[in-house]
PDB file of N, CA and C in Angstrom:
ATOM      1  N   UNK A   1       3.501   3.278 -43.442  1.00  0.00           N
ATOM      2  CA  UNK A   1       2.908   4.604 -43.295  1.00  0.00           C
ATOM      3  C   UNK A   1       2.583   4.821 -41.812  1.00  0.00           C
ATOM      4  N   UNK A   2       2.980   5.927 -41.300  1.00  0.00           N
ATOM      5  CA  UNK A   2       2.666   6.310 -39.906  1.00  0.00           C
ATOM      6  C   UNK A   2       1.710   7.474 -39.841  1.00  0.00           C
ATOM      7  N   UNK A   3       0.983   7.497 -38.788  1.00  0.00           N
ATOM      8  CA  UNK A   3       0.034   8.606 -38.514  1.00  0.00           C
ATOM      9  C   UNK A   3       0.632   9.442 -37.398  1.00  0.00           C
ATOM     10  N   UNK A   4       0.758  10.752 -37.625  1.00  0.00           N
ATOM     11  CA  UNK A   4       1.436  11.640 -36.622  1.00  0.00           C
ATOM     12  C   UNK A   4       0.690  11.700 -35.338  1.00  0.00           C
ATOM     13  N   UNK A   5      -0.610  11.559 -35.294  1.00  0.00           N
ATOM     14  CA  UNK A   5      -1.314  11.644 -34.062  1.00  0.00           C
ATOM     15  C   UNK A   5      -1.545  10.335 -33.370  1.00  0.00           C
ATOM     16  N   UNK A   6      -0.963   9.288 -33.855  1.00  0.00           N
ATOM     17  CA  UNK A   6      -1.090   7.911 -33.308  1.00  0.00           C
ATOM     18  C   UNK A   6       0.051   7.696 -32.316  1.00  0.00           C
ATOM     19  N   UNK A   7      -0.340   7.317 -31.098  1.00  0.00           N
ATOM     20  CA  UNK A   7       0.718   7.029 -30.043  1.00  0.00           C
ATOM     21  C   UNK A   7       1.662   5.945 -30.465  1.00  0.00           C
ATOM     22  N   UNK A   8       1.163   4.874 -31.060  1.00  0.00           N
ATOM     23  CA  UNK A   8       2.067   3.796 -31.427  1.00  0.00           C
ATOM     24  C   UNK A   8       2.927   4.163 -32.633  1.00  0.00           C
ATOM     25  N   UNK A   9       2.438   4.988 -33.537  1.00  0.00           N
ATOM     26  CA  UNK A   9       3.305   5.488 -34.613  1.00  0.00           C
ATOM     27  C   UNK A   9       4.389   6.379 -34.108  1.00  0.00           C
ATOM     28  N   UNK A  10       4.077   7.148 -33.064  1.00  0.00           N
ATOM     29  CA  UNK A  10       5.092   7.978 -32.430  1.00  0.00           C
ATOM     30  C   UNK A  10       6.187   7.132 -31.804  1.00  0.00           C
ATOM     31  N   UNK A  11       5.795   5.986 -31.199  1.00  0.00           N
ATOM     32  CA  UNK A  11       6.794   5.067 -30.687  1.00  0.00           C
ATOM     33  C   UNK A  11       7.648   4.530 -31.876  1.00  0.00           C
ATOM     34  N   UNK A  12       6.997   4.116 -32.930  1.00  0.00           N
ATOM     35  CA  UNK A  12       7.709   3.585 -34.079  1.00  0.00           C
ATOM     36  C   UNK A  12       8.673   4.635 -34.634  1.00  0.00           C
ATOM     37  N   UNK A  13       8.303   5.899 -34.651  1.00  0.00           N
ATOM     38  CA  UNK A  13       9.146   6.972 -35.167  1.00  0.00           C
ATOM     39  C   UNK A  13      10.264   7.368 -34.217  1.00  0.00           C
ATOM     40  N   UNK A  14      10.219   6.808 -32.979  1.00  0.00           N
ATOM     41  CA  UNK A  14      11.248   7.174 -32.008  1.00  0.00           C
ATOM     42  C   UNK A  14      10.988   8.401 -31.217  1.00  0.00           C
ATOM     43  N   UNK A  15       9.757   9.000 -31.385  1.00  0.00           N
ATOM     44  CA  UNK A  15       9.402  10.234 -30.652  1.00  0.00           C
ATOM     45  C   UNK A  15       8.978  10.007 -29.222  1.00  0.00           C
ATOM     46  N   UNK A  16       8.545   8.761 -28.936  1.00  0.00           N
ATOM     47  CA  UNK A  16       8.139   8.356 -27.577  1.00  0.00           C
ATOM     48  C   UNK A  16       8.900   7.077 -27.268  1.00  0.00           C
ATOM     49  N   UNK A  17       9.484   7.018 -26.085  1.00  0.00           N
ATOM     50  CA  UNK A  17      10.284   5.836 -25.746  1.00  0.00           C
ATOM     51  C   UNK A  17       9.370   4.704 -25.295  1.00  0.00           C
ATOM     52  N   UNK A  18       9.850   3.521 -25.425  1.00  0.00           N
ATOM     53  CA  UNK A  18       9.119   2.298 -24.978  1.00  0.00           C
ATOM     54  C   UNK A  18      10.151   1.273 -24.567  1.00  0.00           C
ATOM     55  N   UNK A  19       9.720   0.328 -23.738  1.00  0.00           N
ATOM     56  CA  UNK A  19      10.580  -0.781 -23.327  1.00  0.00           C
ATOM     57  C   UNK A  19      10.361  -1.863 -24.351  1.00  0.00           C
ATOM     58  N   UNK A  20      11.319  -1.910 -25.307  1.00  0.00           N
ATOM     59  CA  UNK A  20      11.212  -2.800 -26.469  1.00  0.00           C
ATOM     60  C   UNK A  20      11.506  -4.237 -26.094  1.00  0.00           C
ATOM     61  N   UNK A  21      10.615  -5.172 -26.502  1.00  0.00           N
ATOM     62  CA  UNK A  21      10.866  -6.576 -26.244  1.00  0.00           C
ATOM     63  C   UNK A  21      11.365  -7.245 -27.535  1.00  0.00           C
ATOM     64  N   UNK A  22      11.005  -6.716 -28.714  1.00  0.00           N
ATOM     65  CA  UNK A  22      11.350  -7.345 -29.964  1.00  0.00           C
ATOM     66  C   UNK A  22      11.126  -6.364 -31.080  1.00  0.00           C
ATOM     67  N   UNK A  23      11.933  -6.408 -32.117  1.00  0.00           N
ATOM     68  CA  UNK A  23      11.687  -5.594 -33.301  1.00  0.00           C
ATOM     69  C   UNK A  23      12.318  -6.277 -34.507  1.00  0.00           C
ATOM     70  N   UNK A  24      11.603  -6.180 -35.615  1.00  0.00           N
ATOM     71  CA  UNK A  24      12.165  -6.588 -36.897  1.00  0.00           C
ATOM     72  C   UNK A  24      11.516  -5.690 -37.963  1.00  0.00           C
ATOM     73  N   UNK A  25      11.674  -6.054 -39.219  1.00  0.00           N
ATOM     74  CA  UNK A  25      11.241  -5.153 -40.316  1.00  0.00           C
ATOM     75  C   UNK A  25       9.690  -5.023 -40.384  1.00  0.00           C
ATOM     76  N   UNK A  26       8.950  -5.962 -39.764  1.00  0.00           N
ATOM     77  CA  UNK A  26       7.481  -5.970 -39.896  1.00  0.00           C
ATOM     78  C   UNK A  26       6.704  -5.556 -38.647  1.00  0.00           C
ATOM     79  N   UNK A  27       7.274  -5.845 -37.483  1.00  0.00           N
ATOM     80  CA  UNK A  27       6.572  -5.601 -36.213  1.00  0.00           C
ATOM     81  C   UNK A  27       7.504  -5.003 -35.133  1.00  0.00           C
ATOM     82  N   UNK A  28       6.857  -4.397 -34.149  1.00  0.00           N
ATOM     83  CA  UNK A  28       7.532  -3.933 -32.960  1.00  0.00           C
ATOM     84  C   UNK A  28       6.766  -4.499 -31.771  1.00  0.00           C
ATOM     85  N   UNK A  29       7.454  -5.000 -30.800  1.00  0.00           N
ATOM     86  CA  UNK A  29       6.799  -5.481 -29.568  1.00  0.00           C
ATOM     87  C   UNK A  29       7.423  -4.761 -28.360  1.00  0.00           C
ATOM     88  N   UNK A  30       6.532  -4.275 -27.479  1.00  0.00           N
ATOM     89  CA  UNK A  30       7.022  -3.565 -26.327  1.00  0.00           C
ATOM     90  C   UNK A  30       6.099  -3.813 -25.125  1.00  0.00           C
ATOM     91  N   UNK A  31       6.660  -3.571 -23.917  1.00  0.00           N
ATOM     92  CA  UNK A  31       5.923  -3.781 -22.708  1.00  0.00           C
ATOM     93  C   UNK A  31       4.878  -2.715 -22.520  1.00  0.00           C
ATOM     94  N   UNK A  32       3.658  -3.133 -22.114  1.00  0.00           N
ATOM     95  CA  UNK A  32       2.560  -2.245 -21.900  1.00  0.00           C
ATOM     96  C   UNK A  32       2.896  -1.354 -20.688  1.00  0.00           C
ATOM     97  N   UNK A  33       2.561  -0.046 -20.748  1.00  0.00           N
ATOM     98  CA  UNK A  33       2.855   0.861 -19.635  1.00  0.00           C
ATOM     99  C   UNK A  33       1.850   0.717 -18.492  1.00  0.00           C
ATOM    100  N   UNK A  34       0.763   0.071 -18.742  1.00  0.00           N
ATOM    101  CA  UNK A  34      -0.212  -0.247 -17.720  1.00  0.00           C
ATOM    102  C   UNK A  34      -0.553  -1.716 -17.742  1.00  0.00           C
ATOM    103  N   UNK A  35       0.413  -2.608 -17.362  1.00  0.00           N
ATOM    104  CA  UNK A  35       0.231  -4.029 -17.497  1.00  0.00           C
ATOM    105  C   UNK A  35      -0.944  -4.594 -16.721  1.00  0.00           C
ATOM    106  N   UNK A  36      -1.609  -5.551 -17.367  1.00  0.00           N
ATOM    107  CA  UNK A  36      -2.731  -6.234 -16.760  1.00  0.00           C
ATOM    108  C   UNK A  36      -2.350  -7.635 -16.308  1.00  0.00           C
ATOM    109  N   UNK A  37      -1.095  -7.936 -16.377  1.00  0.00           N
ATOM    110  CA  UNK A  37      -0.485  -9.222 -15.954  1.00  0.00           C
ATOM    111  C   UNK A  37       1.011  -9.014 -15.758  1.00  0.00           C
ATOM    112  N   UNK A  38       1.699  -9.900 -15.050  1.00  0.00           N
ATOM    113  CA  UNK A  38       3.150  -9.727 -14.845  1.00  0.00           C
ATOM    114  C   UNK A  38       3.904  -9.612 -16.157  1.00  0.00           C
ATOM    115  N   UNK A  39       3.433 -10.254 -17.206  1.00  0.00           N
ATOM    116  CA  UNK A  39       3.975 -10.092 -18.566  1.00  0.00           C
ATOM    117  C   UNK A  39       2.803  -9.547 -19.405  1.00  0.00           C
ATOM    118  N   UNK A  40       3.002  -8.371 -19.988  1.00  0.00           N
ATOM    119  CA  UNK A  40       1.993  -7.785 -20.852  1.00  0.00           C
ATOM    120  C   UNK A  40       2.748  -6.983 -21.936  1.00  0.00           C
ATOM    121  N   UNK A  41       2.816  -7.622 -23.119  1.00  0.00           N
ATOM    122  CA  UNK A  41       3.539  -7.092 -24.236  1.00  0.00           C
ATOM    123  C   UNK A  41       2.544  -6.760 -25.376  1.00  0.00           C
ATOM    124  N   UNK A  42       2.721  -5.665 -26.000  1.00  0.00           N
ATOM    125  CA  UNK A  42       1.944  -5.293 -27.212  1.00  0.00           C
ATOM    126  C   UNK A  42       2.765  -5.536 -28.459  1.00  0.00           C
ATOM    127  N   UNK A  43       2.172  -6.181 -29.404  1.00  0.00           N
ATOM    128  CA  UNK A  43       2.840  -6.441 -30.704  1.00  0.00           C
ATOM    129  C   UNK A  43       2.062  -5.678 -31.768  1.00  0.00           C
ATOM    130  N   UNK A  44       2.801  -4.773 -32.411  1.00  0.00           N
ATOM    131  CA  UNK A  44       2.111  -3.867 -33.388  1.00  0.00           C
ATOM    132  C   UNK A  44       2.786  -4.027 -34.758  1.00  0.00           C
ATOM    133  N   UNK A  45       1.937  -3.941 -35.803  1.00  0.00           N
ATOM    134  CA  UNK A  45       2.578  -3.870 -37.119  1.00  0.00           C
ATOM    135  C   UNK A  45       3.256  -2.509 -37.314  1.00  0.00           C
ATOM    136  N   UNK A  46       4.319  -2.475 -38.098  1.00  0.00           N
ATOM    137  CA  UNK A  46       4.942  -1.200 -38.427  1.00  0.00           C
ATOM    138  C   UNK A  46       4.072  -0.382 -39.353  1.00  0.00           C
ATOM    139  N   UNK A  47       3.200  -0.970 -40.037  1.00  0.00           N
ATOM    140  CA  UNK A  47       2.258  -0.298 -40.919  1.00  0.00           C
ATOM    141  C   UNK A  47       1.052   0.159 -40.065  1.00  0.00           C
ATOM    142  N   UNK A  48       0.656   1.416 -40.191  1.00  0.00           N
ATOM    143  CA  UNK A  48      -0.481   1.901 -39.422  1.00  0.00           C
ATOM    144  C   UNK A  48      -1.765   1.328 -40.009  1.00  0.00           C
ATOM    145  N   UNK A  49      -2.436   0.434 -39.203  1.00  0.00           N
ATOM    146  CA  UNK A  49      -3.779  -0.105 -39.564  1.00  0.00           C
ATOM    147  C   UNK A  49      -4.575   0.103 -38.300  1.00  0.00           C
ATOM    148  N   UNK A  50      -5.611   0.948 -38.377  1.00  0.00           N
ATOM    149  CA  UNK A  50      -6.302   1.385 -37.149  1.00  0.00           C
ATOM    150  C   UNK A  50      -6.947   0.303 -36.359  1.00  0.00           C
ATOM    151  N   UNK A  51      -7.717  -0.573 -37.020  1.00  0.00           N
ATOM    152  CA  UNK A  51      -8.439  -1.664 -36.310  1.00  0.00           C
ATOM    153  C   UNK A  51      -8.404  -2.929 -37.135  1.00  0.00           C
ATOM    154  N   UNK A  52      -8.785  -4.013 -36.525  1.00  0.00           N
ATOM    155  CA  UNK A  52      -8.903  -5.293 -37.246  1.00  0.00           C
ATOM    156  C   UNK A  52      -9.844  -5.145 -38.437  1.00  0.00           C
ATOM    157  N   UNK A  53     -10.866  -4.268 -38.289  1.00  0.00           N
ATOM    158  CA  UNK A  53     -11.806  -4.042 -39.397  1.00  0.00           C
ATOM    159  C   UNK A  53     -11.154  -3.482 -40.634  1.00  0.00           C
ATOM    160  N   UNK A  54      -9.964  -2.903 -40.491  1.00  0.00           N
ATOM    161  CA  UNK A  54      -9.264  -2.315 -41.597  1.00  0.00           C
ATOM    162  C   UNK A  54      -8.328  -3.249 -42.302  1.00  0.00           C
ATOM    163  N   UNK A  55      -8.184  -4.466 -41.789  1.00  0.00           N
ATOM    164  CA  UNK A  55      -7.357  -5.439 -42.443  1.00  0.00           C
ATOM    165  C   UNK A  55      -8.061  -5.977 -43.722  1.00  0.00           C
ATOM    166  N   UNK A  56      -7.306  -6.336 -44.668  1.00  0.00           N
ATOM    167  CA  UNK A  56      -7.826  -6.950 -45.890  1.00  0.00           C
ATOM    168  C   UNK A  56      -7.131  -8.272 -46.088  1.00  0.00           C
ATOM    169  N   UNK A  57      -7.516  -8.987 -47.169  1.00  0.00           N
ATOM    170  CA  UNK A  57      -6.888 -10.267 -47.430  1.00  0.00           C
ATOM    171  C   UNK A  57      -5.363 -10.128 -47.628  1.00  0.00           C
ATOM    172  N   UNK A  58      -4.938  -9.022 -48.129  1.00  0.00           N
ATOM    173  CA  UNK A  58      -3.492  -8.798 -48.344  1.00  0.00           C
ATOM    174  C   UNK A  58      -2.727  -8.722 -47.014  1.00  0.00           C
ATOM    175  N   UNK A  59      -3.467  -8.542 -45.862  1.00  0.00           N
ATOM    176  CA  UNK A  59      -2.784  -8.450 -44.585  1.00  0.00           C
ATOM    177  C   UNK A  59      -2.811  -9.772 -43.818  1.00  0.00           C
ATOM    178  N   UNK A  60      -3.414 -10.819 -44.377  1.00  0.00           N
ATOM    179  CA  UNK A  60      -3.510 -12.071 -43.599  1.00  0.00           C
ATOM    180  C   UNK A  60      -2.187 -12.616 -43.148  1.00  0.00           C
ATOM    181  N   UNK A  61      -1.182 -12.460 -43.952  1.00  0.00           N
ATOM    182  CA  UNK A  61       0.154 -12.944 -43.529  1.00  0.00           C
ATOM    183  C   UNK A  61       0.685 -12.121 -42.388  1.00  0.00           C
ATOM    184  N   UNK A  62       0.382 -10.795 -42.330  1.00  0.00           N
ATOM    185  CA  UNK A  62       0.794  -9.977 -41.233  1.00  0.00           C
ATOM    186  C   UNK A  62       0.172 -10.382 -39.916  1.00  0.00           C
ATOM    187  N   UNK A  63      -1.157 -10.732 -39.960  1.00  0.00           N
ATOM    188  CA  UNK A  63      -1.775 -11.187 -38.755  1.00  0.00           C
ATOM    189  C   UNK A  63      -1.158 -12.458 -38.248  1.00  0.00           C
ATOM    190  N   UNK A  64      -0.895 -13.426 -39.112  1.00  0.00           N
ATOM    191  CA  UNK A  64      -0.217 -14.658 -38.712  1.00  0.00           C
ATOM    192  C   UNK A  64       1.164 -14.386 -38.193  1.00  0.00           C
ATOM    193  N   UNK A  65       1.836 -13.418 -38.786  1.00  0.00           N
ATOM    194  CA  UNK A  65       3.212 -13.064 -38.333  1.00  0.00           C
ATOM    195  C   UNK A  65       3.152 -12.508 -36.936  1.00  0.00           C
ATOM    196  N   UNK A  66       2.171 -11.671 -36.641  1.00  0.00           N
ATOM    197  CA  UNK A  66       2.054 -11.130 -35.320  1.00  0.00           C
ATOM    198  C   UNK A  66       1.834 -12.223 -34.256  1.00  0.00           C
ATOM    199  N   UNK A  67       1.012 -13.185 -34.604  1.00  0.00           N
ATOM    200  CA  UNK A  67       0.713 -14.289 -33.716  1.00  0.00           C
ATOM    201  C   UNK A  67       1.965 -15.153 -33.497  1.00  0.00           C
ATOM    202  N   UNK A  68       2.721 -15.414 -34.572  1.00  0.00           N
ATOM    203  CA  UNK A  68       3.949 -16.233 -34.435  1.00  0.00           C
ATOM    204  C   UNK A  68       5.011 -15.435 -33.642  1.00  0.00           C
ATOM    205  N   UNK A  69       5.012 -14.129 -33.776  1.00  0.00           N
ATOM    206  CA  UNK A  69       5.927 -13.307 -32.939  1.00  0.00           C
ATOM    207  C   UNK A  69       5.568 -13.475 -31.493  1.00  0.00           C
ATOM    208  N   UNK A  70       4.275 -13.417 -31.157  1.00  0.00           N
ATOM    209  CA  UNK A  70       3.845 -13.610 -29.803  1.00  0.00           C
ATOM    210  C   UNK A  70       4.272 -14.975 -29.259  1.00  0.00           C
ATOM    211  N   UNK A  71       4.130 -16.005 -30.085  1.00  0.00           N
ATOM    212  CA  UNK A  71       4.535 -17.346 -29.632  1.00  0.00           C
ATOM    213  C   UNK A  71       6.050 -17.384 -29.331  1.00  0.00           C
ATOM    214  N   UNK A  72       6.851 -16.752 -30.213  1.00  0.00           N
ATOM    215  CA  UNK A  72       8.286 -16.648 -30.030  1.00  0.00           C
ATOM    216  C   UNK A  72       8.637 -15.982 -28.701  1.00  0.00           C
ATOM    217  N   UNK A  73       7.994 -14.888 -28.453  1.00  0.00           N
ATOM    218  CA  UNK A  73       8.258 -14.129 -27.226  1.00  0.00           C
ATOM    219  C   UNK A  73       7.810 -14.924 -25.986  1.00  0.00           C
ATOM    220  N   UNK A  74       6.686 -15.614 -26.069  1.00  0.00           N
ATOM    221  CA  UNK A  74       6.259 -16.461 -24.942  1.00  0.00           C
ATOM    222  C   UNK A  74       7.307 -17.526 -24.663  1.00  0.00           C
ATOM    223  N   UNK A  75       7.837 -18.122 -25.720  1.00  0.00           N
ATOM    224  CA  UNK A  75       8.880 -19.125 -25.540  1.00  0.00           C
ATOM    225  C   UNK A  75      10.121 -18.532 -24.902  1.00  0.00           C
ATOM    226  N   UNK A  76      10.571 -17.375 -25.419  1.00  0.00           N
ATOM    227  CA  UNK A  76      11.759 -16.680 -24.913  1.00  0.00           C
ATOM    228  C   UNK A  76      11.614 -16.247 -23.418  1.00  0.00           C
ATOM    229  N   UNK A  77      10.371 -15.861 -23.079  1.00  0.00           N
ATOM    230  CA  UNK A  77      10.113 -15.417 -21.715  1.00  0.00           C
ATOM    231  C   UNK A  77       9.815 -16.575 -20.764  1.00  0.00           C
ATOM    232  N   UNK A  78       9.736 -17.761 -21.261  1.00  0.00           N
ATOM    233  CA  UNK A  78       9.587 -18.965 -20.425  1.00  0.00           C
ATOM    234  C   UNK A  78       8.167 -19.164 -19.941  1.00  0.00           C
ATOM    235  N   UNK A  79       7.171 -18.645 -20.646  1.00  0.00           N
ATOM    236  CA  UNK A  79       5.783 -18.827 -20.266  1.00  0.00           C
ATOM    237  C   UNK A  79       4.944 -19.686 -21.242  1.00  0.00           C
ATOM    238  N   UNK A  80       5.578 -20.183 -22.304  1.00  0.00           N
ATOM    239  CA  UNK A  80       4.835 -20.919 -23.317  1.00  0.00           C
ATOM    240  C   UNK A  80       4.177 -22.169 -22.744  1.00  0.00           C
ATOM    241  N   UNK A  81       4.892 -22.880 -21.903  1.00  0.00           N
ATOM    242  CA  UNK A  81       4.399 -24.162 -21.361  1.00  0.00           C
ATOM    243  C   UNK A  81       3.327 -23.948 -20.320  1.00  0.00           C
ATOM    244  N   UNK A  82       3.467 -22.921 -19.441  1.00  0.00           N
ATOM    245  CA  UNK A  82       2.471 -22.623 -18.410  1.00  0.00           C
ATOM    246  C   UNK A  82       1.238 -22.052 -18.998  1.00  0.00           C
ATOM    247  N   UNK A  83       1.347 -21.256 -20.039  1.00  0.00           N
ATOM    248  CA  UNK A  83       0.201 -20.620 -20.665  1.00  0.00           C
ATOM    249  C   UNK A  83       0.257 -19.124 -20.788  1.00  0.00           C
ATOM    250  N   UNK A  84      -0.415 -18.635 -21.825  1.00  0.00           N
ATOM    251  CA  UNK A  84      -0.455 -17.224 -22.036  1.00  0.00           C
ATOM    252  C   UNK A  84      -1.767 -16.946 -22.842  1.00  0.00           C
ATOM    253  N   UNK A  85      -2.135 -15.678 -22.820  1.00  0.00           N
ATOM    254  CA  UNK A  85      -3.307 -15.260 -23.518  1.00  0.00           C
ATOM    255  C   UNK A  85      -2.936 -14.211 -24.605  1.00  0.00           C
ATOM    256  N   UNK A  86      -3.501 -14.425 -25.777  1.00  0.00           N
ATOM    257  CA  UNK A  86      -3.410 -13.439 -26.887  1.00  0.00           C
ATOM    258  C   UNK A  86      -4.719 -12.806 -27.128  1.00  0.00           C
ATOM    259  N   UNK A  87      -4.726 -11.496 -27.341  1.00  0.00           N
ATOM    260  CA  UNK A  87      -5.963 -10.735 -27.442  1.00  0.00           C
ATOM    261  C   UNK A  87      -5.862  -9.601 -28.398  1.00  0.00           C
ATOM    262  N   UNK A  88      -6.827  -9.458 -29.326  1.00  0.00           N
ATOM    263  CA  UNK A  88      -6.993  -8.265 -30.118  1.00  0.00           C
ATOM    264  C   UNK A  88      -8.292  -7.622 -29.676  1.00  0.00           C
ATOM    265  N   UNK A  89      -8.303  -6.312 -29.453  1.00  0.00           N
ATOM    266  CA  UNK A  89      -9.516  -5.584 -29.184  1.00  0.00           C
ATOM    267  C   UNK A  89      -9.816  -4.749 -30.440  1.00  0.00           C
ATOM    268  N   UNK A  90     -11.084  -4.735 -30.800  1.00  0.00           N
ATOM    269  CA  UNK A  90     -11.489  -4.015 -32.041  1.00  0.00           C
ATOM    270  C   UNK A  90     -12.565  -2.969 -31.704  1.00  0.00           C
ATOM    271  N   UNK A  91     -12.172  -1.730 -31.687  1.00  0.00           N
ATOM    272  CA  UNK A  91     -13.081  -0.603 -31.432  1.00  0.00           C
ATOM    273  C   UNK A  91     -13.360  -0.394 -29.988  1.00  0.00           C
ATOM    274  N   UNK A  92     -13.995   0.725 -29.651  1.00  0.00           N
ATOM    275  CA  UNK A  92     -14.143   1.174 -28.273  1.00  0.00           C
ATOM    276  C   UNK A  92     -14.900   0.195 -27.334  1.00  0.00           C
ATOM    277  N   UNK A  93     -16.027  -0.310 -27.777  1.00  0.00           N
ATOM    278  CA  UNK A  93     -16.808  -1.238 -26.902  1.00  0.00           C
ATOM    279  C   UNK A  93     -16.040  -2.516 -26.554  1.00  0.00           C
ATOM    280  N   UNK A  94     -15.064  -2.877 -27.338  1.00  0.00           N
ATOM    281  CA  UNK A  94     -14.200  -4.010 -27.049  1.00  0.00           C
ATOM    282  C   UNK A  94     -13.003  -3.681 -26.226  1.00  0.00           C
ATOM    283  N   UNK A  95     -12.800  -2.384 -25.950  1.00  0.00           N
ATOM    284  CA  UNK A  95     -11.706  -1.951 -25.101  1.00  0.00           C
ATOM    285  C   UNK A  95     -10.488  -1.367 -25.857  1.00  0.00           C
ATOM    286  N   UNK A  96     -10.602  -1.199 -27.167  1.00  0.00           N
ATOM    287  CA  UNK A  96      -9.483  -0.612 -27.921  1.00  0.00           C
ATOM    288  C   UNK A  96      -9.421   0.909 -27.563  1.00  0.00           C
ATOM    289  N   UNK A  97      -8.260   1.346 -27.119  1.00  0.00           N
ATOM    290  CA  UNK A  97      -8.087   2.766 -26.765  1.00  0.00           C
ATOM    291  C   UNK A  97      -7.035   3.419 -27.664  1.00  0.00           C
ATOM    292  N   UNK A  98      -6.134   2.625 -28.232  1.00  0.00           N
ATOM    293  CA  UNK A  98      -5.170   3.171 -29.210  1.00  0.00           C
ATOM    294  C   UNK A  98      -5.549   2.618 -30.563  1.00  0.00           C
ATOM    295  N   UNK A  99      -5.882   3.441 -31.511  1.00  0.00           N
ATOM    296  CA  UNK A  99      -6.339   2.993 -32.805  1.00  0.00           C
ATOM    297  C   UNK A  99      -5.181   2.772 -33.790  1.00  0.00           C
ATOM    298  N   UNK A 100      -4.392   1.793 -33.440  1.00  0.00           N
ATOM    299  CA  UNK A 100      -3.315   1.185 -34.246  1.00  0.00           C
ATOM    300  C   UNK A 100      -3.391  -0.249 -33.819  1.00  0.00           C
ATOM    301  N   UNK A 101      -3.759  -1.140 -34.693  1.00  0.00           N
ATOM    302  CA  UNK A 101      -3.989  -2.547 -34.301  1.00  0.00           C
ATOM    303  C   UNK A 101      -2.761  -3.040 -33.511  1.00  0.00           C
ATOM    304  N   UNK A 102      -3.122  -3.799 -32.436  1.00  0.00           N
ATOM    305  CA  UNK A 102      -2.106  -4.353 -31.580  1.00  0.00           C
ATOM    306  C   UNK A 102      -2.594  -5.639 -30.966  1.00  0.00           C
ATOM    307  N   UNK A 103      -1.677  -6.572 -30.790  1.00  0.00           N
ATOM    308  CA  UNK A 103      -1.955  -7.862 -30.181  1.00  0.00           C
ATOM    309  C   UNK A 103      -1.389  -7.878 -28.781  1.00  0.00           C
ATOM    310  N   UNK A 104      -2.234  -8.174 -27.809  1.00  0.00           N
ATOM    311  CA  UNK A 104      -1.786  -8.266 -26.415  1.00  0.00           C
ATOM    312  C   UNK A 104      -1.269  -9.680 -26.160  1.00  0.00           C
ATOM    313  N   UNK A 105      -0.117  -9.784 -25.574  1.00  0.00           N
ATOM    314  CA  UNK A 105       0.413 -11.045 -25.040  1.00  0.00           C
ATOM    315  C   UNK A 105       0.440 -10.888 -23.521  1.00  0.00           C
ATOM    316  N   UNK A 106      -0.346 -11.680 -22.849  1.00  0.00           N
ATOM    317  CA  UNK A 106      -0.463 -11.596 -21.402  1.00  0.00           C
ATOM    318  C   UNK A 106      -0.089 -12.937 -20.776  1.00  0.00           C
ATOM    319  N   UNK A 107       0.685 -12.913 -19.695  1.00  0.00           N
ATOM    320  CA  UNK A 107       1.123 -14.168 -19.073  1.00  0.00           C
ATOM    321  C   UNK A 107       1.620 -13.831 -17.647  1.00  0.00           C
ATOM    322  N   UNK A 108       1.812 -14.960 -16.929  1.00  0.00           N
ATOM    323  CA  UNK A 108       2.393 -14.785 -15.567  1.00  0.00           C
ATOM    324  C   UNK A 108       1.394 -14.870 -14.461  1.00  0.00           C
ATOM    325  N   UNK A 109       0.113 -15.084 -14.784  1.00  0.00           N
ATOM    326  CA  UNK A 109      -0.918 -15.251 -13.752  1.00  0.00           C
ATOM    327  C   UNK A 109      -2.056 -16.074 -14.369  1.00  0.00           C
ATOM    328  N   UNK A 110      -2.915 -16.650 -13.505  1.00  0.00           N
ATOM    329  CA  UNK A 110      -4.071 -17.355 -14.036  1.00  0.00           C
ATOM    330  C   UNK A 110      -5.086 -16.372 -14.675  1.00  0.00           C
ATOM    331  N   UNK A 111      -5.745 -16.816 -15.735  1.00  0.00           N
ATOM    332  CA  UNK A 111      -6.810 -16.044 -16.371  1.00  0.00           C
ATOM    333  C   UNK A 111      -8.138 -16.765 -16.253  1.00  0.00           C
ATOM    334  N   UNK A 112      -9.211 -16.060 -16.112  1.00  0.00           N
ATOM    335  CA  UNK A 112     -10.499 -16.676 -16.078  1.00  0.00           C
ATOM    336  C   UNK A 112     -11.232 -16.559 -17.415  1.00  0.00           C
ATOM    337  N   UNK A 113     -12.313 -17.326 -17.530  1.00  0.00           N
ATOM    338  CA  UNK A 113     -13.116 -17.269 -18.702  1.00  0.00           C
ATOM    339  C   UNK A 113     -14.613 -17.214 -18.322  1.00  0.00           C
ATOM    340  N   UNK A 114     -15.415 -16.421 -18.879  1.00  0.00           N
ATOM    341  CA  UNK A 114     -15.018 -15.494 -19.966  1.00  0.00           C
ATOM    342  C   UNK A 114     -14.349 -14.276 -19.431  1.00  0.00           C
ATOM    343  N   UNK A 115     -13.519 -13.623 -20.269  1.00  0.00           N
ATOM    344  CA  UNK A 115     -12.832 -12.446 -19.789  1.00  0.00           C
ATOM    345  C   UNK A 115     -13.864 -11.273 -19.562  1.00  0.00           C
ATOM    346  N   UNK A 116     -13.511 -10.424 -18.634  1.00  0.00           N
ATOM    347  CA  UNK A 116     -14.446  -9.390 -18.236  1.00  0.00           C
ATOM    348  C   UNK A 116     -14.401  -8.238 -19.140  1.00  0.00           C
TER     349      UNK A 116
END
């Protein structure tokens, strides 16, 4: 199910172009248009789920699938051994600006802790 006013659903529907890194029947991964690292890919489910708070137990395999997709991309991009960061933001105070759940894959530079 897609939401017509959702930016990521518009990408899924082909109404907005994106630099696609990976796609299959469950997820789409594309390069962020405002990257925070040399490699910054967003992995989204093809099903519109606004936030992590909207996931249910029936979605637990989808969350795992998104993480395994990120691992696969990190390996393909040659950053798995050096290191990468995976991040979900949930709601505005955590930095979520597009309300279609997405996993950030960031790599290619050192990261500090705690994140800002």
